[in-house]
Amino acid sequence: MSLGQELAPHLPFLRRYARALTGSQSCGDQLVRSTLEAIVTAPNGFPRDIDPRLGLYRAFLDIWNGSSIEQHSETSGSGVESVARLRLAKMAPNSRQALLLTAMEGFTAEDAGYLMGISREEVDQLAADALAEIERQTLAKVLIIEDEPLIAMDLESLVRDLGHDVSAIATTHSEAVEAAVAHRPTLVLADIQLADDSSGIDAVKDILNEFAVPVIFITAFPERLLTGDRPEPAFLITKPFQRSSVKAAISQALFFDRKTIPA
């Protein structure tokens, strides 16, 4: 099997990580393209004595650590990237990397330590520090769009445990849009397939036509929304989800939202 064939199954999830790390689809996807270009340019430098997924993320982090947000900014000096810089001034980037690698991408602390060049104990501490700091900085009013009652209840419990408020739970496209207009949430958690066979993506598009709000999509088929070929979500978690991955995604989405900058 060629190196390209070995890496291909892991690319959608690297895009997910890159988008969450940067808060932007285009910024994250550009970093992934730069990573692949570096691998193609020097294939003999790719580590073949470890799992291909580990090698791919290590190559990505080499690119990330050698670049800056400003180099890849869509709106340098304003908007979402300037919000990110305000938050980054309060929290070490390594902390965010540790949180995302373990909580969202599912790497063990040992593997995350390899990727970051630190010990597993340092990874655990950095991830804990990142989550505590992000939760302290961000409080949100959350709209949950989910047609499965048990999943909706679990999400509501998790959101409230994080100290946020749940403004409404909607199960259909029309309910979601009505609830959003009525309550003006500061974060949306949206399933893709809804109870009346309508689309959570369409519901979110209609909501975003009314006002800007960060969105996290929840899907059983993440590869369909992580192709890098069209406008796609910056924040996405996979069903069945781990509570830690939802927590990390919420924290990151709010991290880049200008409306939740602490005074």
C-alpha atoms as a PDB file:
ATOM      1  CA  MET A   1       0.000   0.000   0.000  1.00  0.00           C
ATOM      2  CA  SER A   2       1.324   3.425  -0.948  1.00  0.00           C
ATOM      3  CA  LEU A   3       1.845   6.195   1.611  1.00  0.00           C
ATOM      4  CA  GLY A   4      -1.010   8.155   0.043  1.00  0.00           C
ATOM      5  CA  GLN A   5      -3.378   5.221   0.470  1.00  0.00           C
ATOM      6  CA  GLU A   6      -2.337   4.833   4.096  1.00  0.00           C
ATOM      7  CA  LEU A   7      -2.934   8.505   4.873  1.00  0.00           C
ATOM      8  CA  ALA A   8      -6.188   9.015   2.941  1.00  0.00           C
ATOM      9  CA  PRO A   9      -8.581   7.606   5.607  1.00  0.00           C
ATOM     10  CA  HIS A  10      -7.145   9.977   8.206  1.00  0.00           C
ATOM     11  CA  LEU A  11      -7.363  13.207   6.197  1.00  0.00           C
ATOM     12  CA  PRO A  12     -11.011  14.064   7.076  1.00  0.00           C
ATOM     13  CA  PHE A  13     -10.195  13.901  10.772  1.00  0.00           C
ATOM     14  CA  LEU A  14      -7.014  15.931  10.357  1.00  0.00           C
ATOM     15  CA  ARG A  15      -9.194  18.584   8.692  1.00  0.00           C
ATOM     16  CA  ARG A  16     -11.513  18.466  11.704  1.00  0.00           C
ATOM     17  CA  TYR A  17      -8.582  19.002  14.062  1.00  0.00           C
ATOM     18  CA  ALA A  18      -7.083  21.775  11.931  1.00  0.00           C
ATOM     19  CA  ARG A  19     -10.407  23.616  11.659  1.00  0.00           C
ATOM     20  CA  ALA A  20     -11.013  23.388  15.394  1.00  0.00           C
ATOM     21  CA  LEU A  21      -7.472  24.545  16.151  1.00  0.00           C
ATOM     22  CA  THR A  22      -7.771  27.596  13.879  1.00  0.00           C
ATOM     23  CA  GLY A  23     -11.514  28.246  14.147  1.00  0.00           C
ATOM     24  CA  SER A  24     -11.800  28.349  10.359  1.00  0.00           C
ATOM     25  CA  GLN A  25     -12.473  25.864   7.568  1.00  0.00           C
ATOM     26  CA  SER A  26     -10.331  27.623   4.982  1.00  0.00           C
ATOM     27  CA  CYS A  27      -7.490  28.343   7.387  1.00  0.00           C
ATOM     28  CA  GLY A  28      -7.459  24.762   8.718  1.00  0.00           C
ATOM     29  CA  ASP A  29      -7.776  23.199   5.278  1.00  0.00           C
ATOM     30  CA  GLN A  30      -4.903  25.340   3.984  1.00  0.00           C
ATOM     31  CA  LEU A  31      -2.684  24.032   6.778  1.00  0.00           C
ATOM     32  CA  VAL A  32      -3.655  20.467   5.856  1.00  0.00           C
ATOM     33  CA  ARG A  33      -2.782  21.158   2.205  1.00  0.00           C
ATOM     34  CA  SER A  34       0.570  22.565   3.309  1.00  0.00           C
ATOM     35  CA  THR A  35       1.167  19.419   5.344  1.00  0.00           C
ATOM     36  CA  LEU A  36       0.449  17.158   2.367  1.00  0.00           C
ATOM     37  CA  GLU A  37       2.665  19.271   0.126  1.00  0.00           C
ATOM     38  CA  ALA A  38       5.513  18.906   2.616  1.00  0.00           C
ATOM     39  CA  ILE A  39       5.032  15.127   2.710  1.00  0.00           C
ATOM     40  CA  VAL A  40       4.941  14.876  -1.098  1.00  0.00           C
ATOM     41  CA  THR A  41       8.046  17.040  -1.388  1.00  0.00           C
ATOM     42  CA  ALA A  42      10.044  14.873   1.050  1.00  0.00           C
ATOM     43  CA  PRO A  43       8.335  11.455   1.360  1.00  0.00           C
ATOM     44  CA  ASN A  44      11.472   9.843   2.764  1.00  0.00           C
ATOM     45  CA  GLY A  45      11.214  12.143   5.750  1.00  0.00           C
ATOM     46  CA  PHE A  46       7.819  10.756   6.751  1.00  0.00           C
ATOM     47  CA  PRO A  47       8.198   8.440   9.789  1.00  0.00           C
ATOM     48  CA  ARG A  48       7.446   4.869   8.698  1.00  0.00           C
ATOM     49  CA  ASP A  49       8.089   3.218  12.052  1.00  0.00           C
ATOM     50  CA  ILE A  50       4.890   4.535  13.661  1.00  0.00           C
ATOM     51  CA  ASP A  51       1.167   4.448  12.946  1.00  0.00           C
ATOM     52  CA  PRO A  52       0.426   6.480   9.773  1.00  0.00           C
ATOM     53  CA  ARG A  53      -2.154   8.591  11.614  1.00  0.00           C
ATOM     54  CA  LEU A  54       0.404   9.583  14.219  1.00  0.00           C
ATOM     55  CA  GLY A  55       2.899  10.428  11.495  1.00  0.00           C
ATOM     56  CA  LEU A  56       0.329  12.550   9.648  1.00  0.00           C
ATOM     57  CA  TYR A  57      -0.601  14.586  12.724  1.00  0.00           C
ATOM     58  CA  ARG A  58       3.065  14.983  13.608  1.00  0.00           C
ATOM     59  CA  ALA A  59       3.742  16.366  10.125  1.00  0.00           C
ATOM     60  CA  PHE A  60       0.792  18.734  10.528  1.00  0.00           C
ATOM     61  CA  LEU A  61       2.012  19.996  13.899  1.00  0.00           C
ATOM     62  CA  ASP A  62       5.458  20.603  12.399  1.00  0.00           C
ATOM     63  CA  ILE A  63       3.744  22.915   9.895  1.00  0.00           C
ATOM     64  CA  TRP A  64       1.556  24.519  12.580  1.00  0.00           C
ATOM     65  CA  ASN A  65       4.435  25.170  14.945  1.00  0.00           C
ATOM     66  CA  GLY A  66       6.460  26.703  12.150  1.00  0.00           C
ATOM     67  CA  SER A  67       3.690  29.091  11.108  1.00  0.00           C
ATOM     68  CA  SER A  68       1.418  31.634  12.725  1.00  0.00           C
ATOM     69  CA  ILE A  69      -2.250  32.493  12.674  1.00  0.00           C
ATOM     70  CA  GLU A  70      -1.453  35.684  10.823  1.00  0.00           C
ATOM     71  CA  GLN A  71       0.164  33.787   7.941  1.00  0.00           C
ATOM     72  CA  HIS A  72      -3.053  31.882   7.293  1.00  0.00           C
ATOM     73  CA  SER A  73      -5.597  34.490   8.361  1.00  0.00           C
ATOM     74  CA  GLU A  74      -8.652  35.114   6.193  1.00  0.00           C
ATOM     75  CA  THR A  75      -9.269  38.469   7.881  1.00  0.00           C
ATOM     76  CA  SER A  76      -5.942  39.511   9.304  1.00  0.00           C
ATOM     77  CA  GLY A  77      -6.234  42.131  12.018  1.00  0.00           C
ATOM     78  CA  SER A  78     -10.010  41.878  12.403  1.00  0.00           C
ATOM     79  CA  GLY A  79     -12.896  39.511  12.912  1.00  0.00           C
ATOM     80  CA  VAL A  80     -12.428  35.957  14.071  1.00  0.00           C
ATOM     81  CA  GLU A  81      -8.631  35.921  13.908  1.00  0.00           C
ATOM     82  CA  SER A  82      -8.271  39.007  16.104  1.00  0.00           C
ATOM     83  CA  VAL A  83     -10.653  37.384  18.584  1.00  0.00           C
ATOM     84  CA  ALA A  84      -8.415  34.319  18.553  1.00  0.00           C
ATOM     85  CA  ARG A  85      -5.371  36.450  19.293  1.00  0.00           C
ATOM     86  CA  LEU A  86      -7.130  38.045  22.269  1.00  0.00           C
ATOM     87  CA  ARG A  87      -7.802  34.610  23.686  1.00  0.00           C
ATOM     88  CA  LEU A  88      -4.363  33.233  22.792  1.00  0.00           C
ATOM     89  CA  ALA A  89      -2.869  36.047  24.847  1.00  0.00           C
ATOM     90  CA  LYS A  90      -4.533  34.432  27.864  1.00  0.00           C
ATOM     91  CA  MET A  91      -3.741  30.783  27.110  1.00  0.00           C
ATOM     92  CA  ALA A  92      -0.711  28.903  25.781  1.00  0.00           C
ATOM     93  CA  PRO A  93      -1.355  27.328  22.333  1.00  0.00           C
ATOM     94  CA  ASN A  94       0.087  24.035  23.616  1.00  0.00           C
ATOM     95  CA  SER A  95      -2.808  23.782  26.054  1.00  0.00           C
ATOM     96  CA  ARG A  96      -5.345  23.974  23.235  1.00  0.00           C
ATOM     97  CA  GLN A  97      -3.432  21.397  21.221  1.00  0.00           C
ATOM     98  CA  ALA A  98      -3.375  18.973  24.149  1.00  0.00           C
ATOM     99  CA  LEU A  99      -7.108  19.370  24.730  1.00  0.00           C
ATOM    100  CA  LEU A 100      -8.069  18.853  21.102  1.00  0.00           C
ATOM    101  CA  LEU A 101      -5.713  15.936  20.512  1.00  0.00           C
ATOM    102  CA  THR A 102      -7.018  13.995  23.494  1.00  0.00           C
ATOM    103  CA  ALA A 103     -10.646  15.068  23.901  1.00  0.00           C
ATOM    104  CA  MET A 104     -11.662  15.543  20.255  1.00  0.00           C
ATOM    105  CA  GLU A 105      -9.246  13.409  18.234  1.00  0.00           C
ATOM    106  CA  GLY A 106      -9.097  10.553  20.740  1.00  0.00           C
ATOM    107  CA  PHE A 107      -5.331  10.235  21.038  1.00  0.00           C
ATOM    108  CA  THR A 108      -4.006   8.820  24.271  1.00  0.00           C
ATOM    109  CA  ALA A 109      -1.997  11.158  26.471  1.00  0.00           C
ATOM    110  CA  GLU A 110       1.071   9.145  25.497  1.00  0.00           C
ATOM    111  CA  ASP A 111       0.443   9.582  21.755  1.00  0.00           C
ATOM    112  CA  ALA A 112      -0.400  13.264  22.217  1.00  0.00           C
ATOM    113  CA  GLY A 113       2.859  13.617  24.114  1.00  0.00           C
ATOM    114  CA  TYR A 114       4.716  12.113  21.178  1.00  0.00           C
ATOM    115  CA  LEU A 115       3.009  14.524  18.788  1.00  0.00           C
ATOM    116  CA  MET A 116       3.803  17.531  20.964  1.00  0.00           C
ATOM    117  CA  GLY A 117       7.235  16.401  22.146  1.00  0.00           C
ATOM    118  CA  ILE A 118       6.294  16.364  25.847  1.00  0.00           C
ATOM    119  CA  SER A 119       5.473  13.791  28.543  1.00  0.00           C
ATOM    120  CA  ARG A 120       2.026  12.273  29.052  1.00  0.00           C
ATOM    121  CA  GLU A 121       1.847  13.947  32.454  1.00  0.00           C
ATOM    122  CA  GLU A 122       2.409  17.319  30.800  1.00  0.00           C
ATOM    123  CA  VAL A 123      -0.310  16.535  28.265  1.00  0.00           C
ATOM    124  CA  ASP A 124      -2.799  15.759  31.034  1.00  0.00           C
ATOM    125  CA  GLN A 125      -1.952  18.977  32.839  1.00  0.00           C
ATOM    126  CA  LEU A 126      -2.081  21.108  29.687  1.00  0.00           C
ATOM    127  CA  ALA A 127      -5.462  19.677  28.663  1.00  0.00           C
ATOM    128  CA  ALA A 128      -6.889  20.317  32.119  1.00  0.00           C
ATOM    129  CA  ASP A 129      -5.501  23.853  32.143  1.00  0.00           C
ATOM    130  CA  ALA A 130      -6.934  24.594  28.696  1.00  0.00           C
ATOM    131  CA  LEU A 131     -10.416  23.381  29.546  1.00  0.00           C
ATOM    132  CA  ALA A 132     -10.505  25.266  32.828  1.00  0.00           C
ATOM    133  CA  GLU A 133      -9.348  28.472  31.183  1.00  0.00           C
ATOM    134  CA  ILE A 134     -11.736  28.266  28.231  1.00  0.00           C
ATOM    135  CA  GLU A 135     -14.710  27.453  30.450  1.00  0.00           C
ATOM    136  CA  ARG A 136     -13.874  30.409  32.672  1.00  0.00           C
ATOM    137  CA  GLN A 137     -13.790  32.752  29.690  1.00  0.00           C
ATOM    138  CA  THR A 138     -16.935  31.668  27.863  1.00  0.00           C
ATOM    139  CA  LEU A 139     -20.583  31.460  28.927  1.00  0.00           C
ATOM    140  CA  ALA A 140     -23.217  30.791  26.299  1.00  0.00           C
ATOM    141  CA  LYS A 141     -26.929  30.480  25.614  1.00  0.00           C
ATOM    142  CA  VAL A 142     -27.213  27.251  23.603  1.00  0.00           C
ATOM    143  CA  LEU A 143     -29.843  26.088  21.105  1.00  0.00           C
ATOM    144  CA  ILE A 144     -29.848  22.295  20.706  1.00  0.00           C
ATOM    145  CA  ILE A 145     -31.246  20.946  17.428  1.00  0.00           C
ATOM    146  CA  GLU A 146     -31.621  17.196  17.964  1.00  0.00           C
ATOM    147  CA  ASP A 147     -34.541  14.844  17.299  1.00  0.00           C
ATOM    148  CA  GLU A 148     -33.385  11.928  19.505  1.00  0.00           C
ATOM    149  CA  PRO A 149     -34.758  12.605  23.022  1.00  0.00           C
ATOM    150  CA  LEU A 150     -32.038  10.742  24.914  1.00  0.00           C
ATOM    151  CA  ILE A 151     -29.261  12.432  22.963  1.00  0.00           C
ATOM    152  CA  ALA A 152     -30.920  15.817  23.425  1.00  0.00           C
ATOM    153  CA  MET A 153     -31.177  15.204  27.183  1.00  0.00           C
ATOM    154  CA  ASP A 154     -27.532  14.171  27.354  1.00  0.00           C
ATOM    155  CA  LEU A 155     -26.462  17.281  25.453  1.00  0.00           C
ATOM    156  CA  GLU A 156     -28.612  19.494  27.672  1.00  0.00           C
ATOM    157  CA  SER A 157     -27.088  17.971  30.805  1.00  0.00           C
ATOM    158  CA  LEU A 158     -23.574  18.397  29.449  1.00  0.00           C
ATOM    159  CA  VAL A 159     -24.172  22.014  28.425  1.00  0.00           C
ATOM    160  CA  ARG A 160     -25.599  22.887  31.841  1.00  0.00           C
ATOM    161  CA  ASP A 161     -22.749  21.053  33.595  1.00  0.00           C
ATOM    162  CA  LEU A 162     -20.369  23.381  31.753  1.00  0.00           C
ATOM    163  CA  GLY A 163     -22.178  26.360  33.224  1.00  0.00           C
ATOM    164  CA  HIS A 164     -24.006  27.367  30.038  1.00  0.00           C
ATOM    165  CA  ASP A 165     -27.749  27.872  29.572  1.00  0.00           C
ATOM    166  CA  VAL A 166     -29.972  25.922  27.167  1.00  0.00           C
ATOM    167  CA  SER A 167     -32.337  28.356  25.453  1.00  0.00           C
ATOM    168  CA  ALA A 168     -34.373  25.672  23.648  1.00  0.00           C
ATOM    169  CA  ILE A 169     -34.359  22.163  22.210  1.00  0.00           C
ATOM    170  CA  ALA A 170     -35.733  21.818  18.666  1.00  0.00           C
ATOM    171  CA  THR A 171     -36.446  18.618  16.737  1.00  0.00           C
ATOM    172  CA  THR A 172     -37.384  19.974  13.287  1.00  0.00           C
ATOM    173  CA  HIS A 173     -36.212  22.630  10.838  1.00  0.00           C
ATOM    174  CA  SER A 174     -39.116  24.974  11.548  1.00  0.00           C
ATOM    175  CA  GLU A 175     -38.820  24.580  15.328  1.00  0.00           C
ATOM    176  CA  ALA A 176     -35.097  25.325  15.142  1.00  0.00           C
ATOM    177  CA  VAL A 177     -35.501  28.535  13.163  1.00  0.00           C
ATOM    178  CA  GLU A 178     -38.393  29.738  15.341  1.00  0.00           C
ATOM    179  CA  ALA A 179     -36.449  29.020  18.537  1.00  0.00           C
ATOM    180  CA  ALA A 180     -33.351  30.746  17.205  1.00  0.00           C
ATOM    181  CA  VAL A 181     -35.248  33.894  16.247  1.00  0.00           C
ATOM    182  CA  ALA A 182     -37.108  33.937  19.556  1.00  0.00           C
ATOM    183  CA  HIS A 183     -34.159  33.273  21.883  1.00  0.00           C
ATOM    184  CA  ARG A 184     -31.099  34.510  19.953  1.00  0.00           C
ATOM    185  CA  PRO A 185     -28.689  31.785  21.177  1.00  0.00           C
ATOM    186  CA  THR A 186     -24.955  32.427  21.273  1.00  0.00           C
ATOM    187  CA  LEU A 187     -24.146  28.827  20.238  1.00  0.00           C
ATOM    188  CA  VAL A 188     -25.978  26.169  18.218  1.00  0.00           C
ATOM    189  CA  LEU A 189     -25.499  22.398  18.513  1.00  0.00           C
ATOM    190  CA  ALA A 190     -27.120  20.859  15.426  1.00  0.00           C
ATOM    191  CA  ASP A 191     -27.784  17.296  14.326  1.00  0.00           C
ATOM    192  CA  ILE A 192     -27.691  16.739  10.568  1.00  0.00           C
ATOM    193  CA  GLN A 193     -30.842  14.607  10.129  1.00  0.00           C
ATOM    194  CA  LEU A 194     -33.976  15.814  11.922  1.00  0.00           C
ATOM    195  CA  ALA A 195     -37.283  14.223  12.936  1.00  0.00           C
ATOM    196  CA  ASP A 196     -39.361  15.367   9.968  1.00  0.00           C
ATOM    197  CA  ASP A 197     -36.644  14.277   7.502  1.00  0.00           C
ATOM    198  CA  SER A 198     -35.547  17.898   7.227  1.00  0.00           C
ATOM    199  CA  SER A 199     -31.907  18.904   7.327  1.00  0.00           C
ATOM    200  CA  GLY A 200     -30.120  20.435  10.283  1.00  0.00           C
ATOM    201  CA  ILE A 201     -27.751  22.023   7.779  1.00  0.00           C
ATOM    202  CA  ASP A 202     -30.651  23.817   6.081  1.00  0.00           C
ATOM    203  CA  ALA A 203     -31.988  24.921   9.461  1.00  0.00           C
ATOM    204  CA  VAL A 204     -28.597  26.363  10.378  1.00  0.00           C
ATOM    205  CA  LYS A 205     -28.352  28.177   7.025  1.00  0.00           C
ATOM    206  CA  ASP A 206     -31.706  29.832   7.704  1.00  0.00           C
ATOM    207  CA  ILE A 207     -30.621  30.766  11.225  1.00  0.00           C
ATOM    208  CA  LEU A 208     -27.381  32.276   9.938  1.00  0.00           C
ATOM    209  CA  ASN A 209     -29.405  34.353   7.482  1.00  0.00           C
ATOM    210  CA  GLU A 210     -31.010  35.957  10.538  1.00  0.00           C
ATOM    211  CA  PHE A 211     -27.879  36.520  12.657  1.00  0.00           C
ATOM    212  CA  ALA A 212     -24.314  35.265  13.139  1.00  0.00           C
ATOM    213  CA  VAL A 213     -23.770  32.509  15.696  1.00  0.00           C
ATOM    214  CA  PRO A 214     -21.125  29.769  16.091  1.00  0.00           C
ATOM    215  CA  VAL A 215     -22.367  26.293  15.164  1.00  0.00           C
ATOM    216  CA  ILE A 216     -21.220  22.777  16.018  1.00  0.00           C
ATOM    217  CA  PHE A 217     -22.626  20.005  13.834  1.00  0.00           C
ATOM    218  CA  ILE A 218     -23.189  16.489  15.152  1.00  0.00           C
ATOM    219  CA  THR A 219     -23.206  13.627  12.648  1.00  0.00           C
ATOM    220  CA  ALA A 220     -22.731   9.896  12.351  1.00  0.00           C
ATOM    221  CA  PHE A 221     -20.971  10.419   9.001  1.00  0.00           C
ATOM    222  CA  PRO A 222     -18.252  13.042   9.559  1.00  0.00           C
ATOM    223  CA  GLU A 223     -16.354  12.146   6.381  1.00  0.00           C
ATOM    224  CA  ARG A 224     -19.201  13.642   4.320  1.00  0.00           C
ATOM    225  CA  LEU A 225     -18.601  17.069   5.857  1.00  0.00           C
ATOM    226  CA  LEU A 226     -14.805  16.968   5.992  1.00  0.00           C
ATOM    227  CA  THR A 227     -13.872  16.706   2.321  1.00  0.00           C
ATOM    228  CA  GLY A 228     -12.290  20.146   1.937  1.00  0.00           C
ATOM    229  CA  ASP A 229     -13.991  20.488  -1.473  1.00  0.00           C
ATOM    230  CA  ARG A 230     -16.796  22.941  -0.520  1.00  0.00           C
ATOM    231  CA  PRO A 231     -17.938  25.203   2.321  1.00  0.00           C
ATOM    232  CA  GLU A 232     -18.107  22.922   5.355  1.00  0.00           C
ATOM    233  CA  PRO A 233     -18.361  23.262   9.153  1.00  0.00           C
ATOM    234  CA  ALA A 234     -15.424  24.495  11.166  1.00  0.00           C
ATOM    235  CA  PHE A 235     -16.634  22.518  14.206  1.00  0.00           C
ATOM    236  CA  LEU A 236     -17.953  18.979  13.973  1.00  0.00           C
ATOM    237  CA  ILE A 237     -18.284  16.013  16.343  1.00  0.00           C
ATOM    238  CA  THR A 238     -19.106  12.407  15.592  1.00  0.00           C
ATOM    239  CA  LYS A 239     -22.008  10.245  16.768  1.00  0.00           C
ATOM    240  CA  PRO A 240     -21.873   8.330  19.019  1.00  0.00           C
ATOM    241  CA  PHE A 241     -20.001  11.107  20.794  1.00  0.00           C
ATOM    242  CA  GLN A 242     -17.929  11.198  23.931  1.00  0.00           C
ATOM    243  CA  ARG A 243     -18.886  13.888  26.426  1.00  0.00           C
ATOM    244  CA  SER A 244     -15.274  15.059  26.439  1.00  0.00           C
ATOM    245  CA  SER A 245     -15.330  15.657  22.672  1.00  0.00           C
ATOM    246  CA  VAL A 246     -18.522  17.729  22.908  1.00  0.00           C
ATOM    247  CA  LYS A 247     -17.005  19.698  25.763  1.00  0.00           C
ATOM    248  CA  ALA A 248     -13.855  20.409  23.743  1.00  0.00           C
ATOM    249  CA  ALA A 249     -15.844  21.418  20.650  1.00  0.00           C
ATOM    250  CA  ILE A 250     -18.052  23.796  22.646  1.00  0.00           C
ATOM    251  CA  SER A 251     -15.006  25.358  24.239  1.00  0.00           C
ATOM    252  CA  GLN A 252     -13.271  25.861  20.891  1.00  0.00           C
ATOM    253  CA  ALA A 253     -16.329  27.246  19.123  1.00  0.00           C
ATOM    254  CA  LEU A 254     -16.835  29.817  21.873  1.00  0.00           C
ATOM    255  CA  PHE A 255     -13.106  30.531  21.981  1.00  0.00           C
ATOM    256  CA  PHE A 256     -13.326  32.007  18.482  1.00  0.00           C
ATOM    257  CA  ASP A 257     -16.662  33.779  18.922  1.00  0.00           C
ATOM    258  CA  ARG A 258     -16.220  37.537  19.249  1.00  0.00           C
ATOM    259  CA  LYS A 259     -19.424  37.923  21.304  1.00  0.00           C
ATOM    260  CA  THR A 260     -17.998  35.934  24.209  1.00  0.00           C
ATOM    261  CA  ILE A 261     -14.744  37.853  24.768  1.00  0.00           C
ATOM    262  CA  PRO A 262     -14.457  38.458  28.510  1.00  0.00           C
ATOM    263  CA  ALA A 263     -14.386  42.035  29.695  1.00  0.00           C
END
